[in-house]
Each structure stands twice: as structure tokens, then as C-alpha cells.
Amino acid sequence: MISCTAGLKFAAHCMGDGAIRNAIEAGIDCIEHGSLASDATLDLMVERGTFLVATTYLADGMDVSRAAPELRAKAAEVFPGSRATISKAIAEGVKVACGTDAPAIPHGKNAKELLALVERGMAPLQALHSATTVAADRGRLEDGLVADVIAVPGDPLIEDVRFVMKGGRVFRHDAEAG
């Protein structure tokens, strides 16, 4: 088994409990999905400080209606378990960071993930933090730091992004609607 060291951050794309536990024990910093983590594995995530990027909106927003019958059956089995797992993770204090699984859920639909996190038990402000500061190395705006920022008027769940800065460079700055 590989041990993750040298100050680098590592993420593992895992759904099943055994794979998640193996990744955590190997020193992985972040689990992507983690859909079927057991209570004991969630406890280990809390103990080790392992992040979870649950991408839980997949269980609500992925259209499997045209998928093969075996994939529809798999989704019917996995999606309810995934919803329950993230609810348990939130309740147990796992560090949950917001993410999507593009292209399954297209870029720009991140607010739907925030809503799903709230439906699974996060407070709205906690969900907003999951998308901003939970996994940030610095998580602040200051002179001399490189900024990744978005700005929206009013409720961030409305998905009306009007300003985007990545790496300190402005990519979008819409004029305020008159």
C-alpha cells in the first residue's frame, strides 16, 4: 500500500466502504464521493481529518432514465445509501467540502450541491462554507494572496454569478443590472 507523504495533498475517488477505508489508512487527504462509507469509516475520517467531497446532488440530479436497466437498478440501490451516508457524515462532523462530478452534473450548477447538502442536514451557512473555506488553504482575502472569488447579488443559491476572479485575474465582471 502506498503511503501519502512529502507534504502533498492527495484525493481518492472512492464509493465503497473498503476502498474508502484503505485510502484513509494510506493517508489520503480527501475522499471524492464516499457514497457507501460505514459509520466506522466516517469515524475514521473525523479522527484523521479526512475531507469528504460527497457530490451528493448526483443522487438527485443525475438522469438515469435512458441508462441501461442494470445501471438504473444500481442507481436505485446506491443513491438512497449515498443520501444517508452524507447525512451521517454531516451529523458526525466529517469535514465536508462542496464539489460536483462534472460532466454528470454540469459546471455552473454548484448551487444545487449546496441545496442538497442542506437537505441532508447542513445549516445553510455551513453549506456555503463547504464551498468556500472548508478546504481552502488560506480561505481569506488579503493583499499578497492569490484570490479565487465569485460574487452574486443576494442569495448565492439563486445561481446568478456576476463576478469571477481566478488566481487574481478577473474573468467576468457583469455591470450591475439597472
Protein backbone atom coordinates (compact mmCIF):
# COMPACT_ATOMS: atom_id res chain seq x y z
CA MET A 1 0.00 0.00 0.00
CA ILE A 2 1.24 3.48 -0.89
CA SER A 3 1.76 5.97 1.90
CA CYS A 4 0.96 9.58 1.02
CA THR A 5 3.66 11.91 2.32
CA ALA A 6 6.04 14.69 1.30
CA GLY A 7 3.57 17.42 2.19
CA LEU A 8 1.49 16.82 -0.92
CA LYS A 9 -2.30 16.62 -0.81
CA PHE A 10 -4.00 13.57 -2.28
CA ALA A 11 -7.59 12.77 -3.18
CA ALA A 12 -9.11 9.40 -3.98
CA HIS A 13 -12.24 8.72 -5.99
CA CYS A 14 -13.95 6.04 -3.86
CA MET A 15 -17.52 4.91 -3.30
CA GLY A 16 -17.35 1.60 -1.44
CA ASP A 17 -16.50 1.34 2.24
CA GLY A 18 -13.44 -0.88 1.81
CA ALA A 19 -11.86 1.41 -0.78
CA ILE A 20 -12.59 4.49 1.33
CA ARG A 21 -11.07 2.93 4.45
CA ASN A 22 -7.96 1.76 2.53
CA ALA A 23 -7.48 5.25 1.10
CA ILE A 24 -7.78 6.89 4.52
CA GLU A 25 -5.36 4.41 6.08
CA ALA A 26 -2.90 5.16 3.25
CA GLY A 27 -3.01 8.84 4.18
CA ILE A 28 -5.36 10.21 1.53
CA ASP A 29 -6.47 13.74 2.45
CA CYS A 30 -9.78 13.82 0.60
CA ILE A 31 -12.36 11.26 -0.49
CA GLU A 32 -14.38 12.08 -3.60
CA HIS A 33 -17.93 10.65 -3.32
CA GLY A 34 -17.58 8.34 -0.31
CA SER A 35 -21.13 7.23 -1.02
CA LEU A 36 -21.16 4.00 0.93
CA ALA A 37 -18.91 4.76 3.89
CA SER A 38 -19.83 2.87 7.06
CA ASP A 39 -20.23 4.57 10.42
CA ALA A 40 -16.82 3.25 11.47
CA THR A 41 -15.21 4.70 8.35
CA LEU A 42 -16.90 8.06 8.92
CA ASP A 43 -15.50 7.98 12.47
CA LEU A 44 -12.03 7.33 10.99
CA MET A 45 -12.48 10.31 8.66
CA VAL A 46 -13.23 12.54 11.64
CA GLU A 47 -10.26 11.12 13.58
CA ARG A 48 -7.83 11.63 10.67
CA GLY A 49 -9.30 14.93 9.47
CA THR A 50 -10.05 13.46 6.04
CA PHE A 51 -12.22 15.66 3.85
CA LEU A 52 -15.28 14.36 2.04
CA VAL A 53 -16.38 15.84 -1.28
CA ALA A 54 -19.66 13.99 -1.35
CA THR A 55 -21.09 15.21 -4.68
CA THR A 56 -24.41 14.24 -3.15
CA TYR A 57 -26.57 16.12 -5.67
CA LEU A 58 -25.75 13.29 -8.09
CA ALA A 59 -28.31 11.20 -6.20
CA ASP A 60 -30.95 13.82 -7.00
CA GLY A 61 -29.95 15.33 -10.31
CA MET A 62 -28.47 12.56 -12.42
CA ASP A 63 -30.88 11.49 -15.14
CA VAL A 64 -30.62 7.72 -15.40
CA SER A 65 -33.89 7.29 -17.32
CA ARG A 66 -32.05 6.40 -20.55
CA ALA A 67 -29.39 4.31 -18.87
CA ALA A 68 -29.21 0.56 -19.26
CA PRO A 69 -31.55 -1.33 -16.90
CA GLU A 70 -28.65 -2.62 -14.79
CA LEU A 71 -27.39 0.95 -14.26
CA ARG A 72 -30.86 2.16 -13.29
CA ALA A 73 -31.07 -0.71 -10.79
CA LYS A 74 -27.63 0.18 -9.41
CA ALA A 75 -28.67 3.84 -9.01
CA ALA A 76 -31.87 2.77 -7.22
CA GLU A 77 -29.69 0.84 -4.77
CA VAL A 78 -26.78 3.28 -4.33
CA PHE A 79 -28.48 6.70 -4.36
CA PRO A 80 -30.55 6.22 -1.17
CA GLY A 81 -27.46 4.89 0.63
CA SER A 82 -25.46 7.85 -0.61
CA ARG A 83 -28.02 10.31 0.76
CA ALA A 84 -27.98 8.56 4.13
CA THR A 85 -24.16 8.46 4.23
CA ILE A 86 -23.74 12.21 3.72
CA SER A 87 -26.40 12.89 6.37
CA LYS A 88 -24.44 10.72 8.82
CA ALA A 89 -21.15 12.37 7.79
CA ILE A 90 -22.60 15.82 8.46
CA ALA A 91 -24.02 14.73 11.82
CA GLU A 92 -20.72 13.13 12.87
CA GLY A 93 -18.62 16.18 11.98
CA VAL A 94 -16.76 14.97 8.88
CA LYS A 95 -15.16 17.94 7.07
CA VAL A 96 -17.43 18.16 4.01
CA ALA A 97 -16.33 20.27 1.05
CA CYS A 98 -18.65 21.12 -1.82
CA GLY A 99 -17.92 19.70 -5.24
CA THR A 100 -19.61 18.31 -8.29
CA ASP A 101 -18.89 15.40 -10.56
CA ALA A 102 -18.84 17.23 -13.89
CA PRO A 103 -19.90 16.29 -16.51
CA ALA A 104 -22.52 14.19 -14.67
CA ILE A 105 -23.69 17.47 -13.15
CA PRO A 106 -22.56 20.28 -15.49
CA HIS A 107 -20.25 23.04 -14.29
CA GLY A 108 -22.17 26.07 -13.09
CA LYS A 109 -24.72 24.03 -11.15
CA ASN A 110 -22.80 24.01 -7.87
CA ALA A 111 -25.61 25.73 -6.01
CA LYS A 112 -27.66 22.56 -6.45
CA GLU A 113 -24.99 20.73 -4.47
CA LEU A 114 -25.34 23.32 -1.70
CA LEU A 115 -29.10 22.77 -1.59
CA ALA A 116 -28.58 19.00 -1.46
CA LEU A 117 -26.17 19.42 1.46
CA VAL A 118 -28.78 21.47 3.32
CA GLU A 119 -31.41 18.80 2.58
CA ARG A 120 -29.01 16.23 4.07
CA GLY A 121 -28.61 18.16 7.31
CA MET A 122 -26.21 21.08 6.90
CA ALA A 123 -27.18 24.53 8.03
CA PRO A 124 -27.27 26.93 5.04
CA LEU A 125 -24.21 28.86 6.27
CA GLN A 126 -22.36 25.58 6.82
CA ALA A 127 -23.16 24.59 3.21
CA LEU A 128 -21.86 27.93 1.95
CA HIS A 129 -18.67 27.38 3.92
CA SER A 130 -18.35 23.90 2.36
CA ALA A 131 -17.99 25.66 -1.00
CA THR A 132 -15.67 28.39 0.16
CA THR A 133 -13.50 27.97 3.24
CA VAL A 134 -13.72 24.34 4.42
CA ALA A 135 -10.97 23.01 2.16
CA ALA A 136 -9.22 26.30 1.43
CA ASP A 137 -5.56 26.52 2.37
CA ARG A 138 -5.97 30.17 3.27
CA GLY A 139 -9.67 30.98 2.98
CA ARG A 140 -9.28 34.74 3.17
CA LEU A 141 -8.91 37.83 1.01
CA GLU A 142 -5.74 39.78 1.73
CA ASP A 143 -3.12 41.75 -0.13
CA GLY A 144 -0.47 39.43 -1.44
CA LEU A 145 -2.68 36.34 -1.63
CA VAL A 146 -3.97 34.91 -4.89
CA ALA A 147 -7.76 35.20 -4.96
CA ASP A 148 -10.37 32.84 -6.39
CA VAL A 149 -13.63 34.69 -5.90
CA ILE A 150 -17.17 34.68 -7.20
CA ALA A 151 -19.80 37.27 -6.41
CA VAL A 152 -23.56 37.06 -6.67
CA PRO A 153 -26.26 39.59 -5.86
CA GLY A 154 -28.28 38.41 -2.88
CA ASP A 155 -28.84 34.70 -2.25
CA PRO A 156 -25.93 32.60 -3.59
CA LEU A 157 -28.31 29.71 -4.23
CA ILE A 158 -30.01 31.71 -7.00
CA GLU A 159 -27.06 30.84 -9.28
CA ASP A 160 -26.72 34.38 -10.65
CA VAL A 161 -22.91 34.67 -10.72
CA ARG A 162 -21.87 38.13 -11.89
CA PHE A 163 -18.19 38.25 -10.98
CA VAL A 164 -15.45 35.63 -11.27
CA MET A 165 -11.80 36.03 -10.29
CA LYS A 166 -9.38 33.10 -10.55
CA GLY A 167 -5.78 33.36 -9.50
CA GLY A 168 -6.19 37.09 -9.01
CA ARG A 169 -7.35 37.59 -12.61
CA VAL A 170 -10.90 38.80 -13.36
CA PHE A 171 -12.66 36.58 -15.90
CA ARG A 172 -16.14 38.01 -15.61
CA HIS A 173 -17.48 41.27 -14.25
CA ASP A 174 -21.05 41.98 -15.32
CA ALA A 175 -22.33 45.51 -15.00
CA GLU A 176 -25.00 45.83 -12.31
CA ALA A 177 -28.46 45.44 -13.79
CA GLY A 178 -30.19 48.82 -13.89
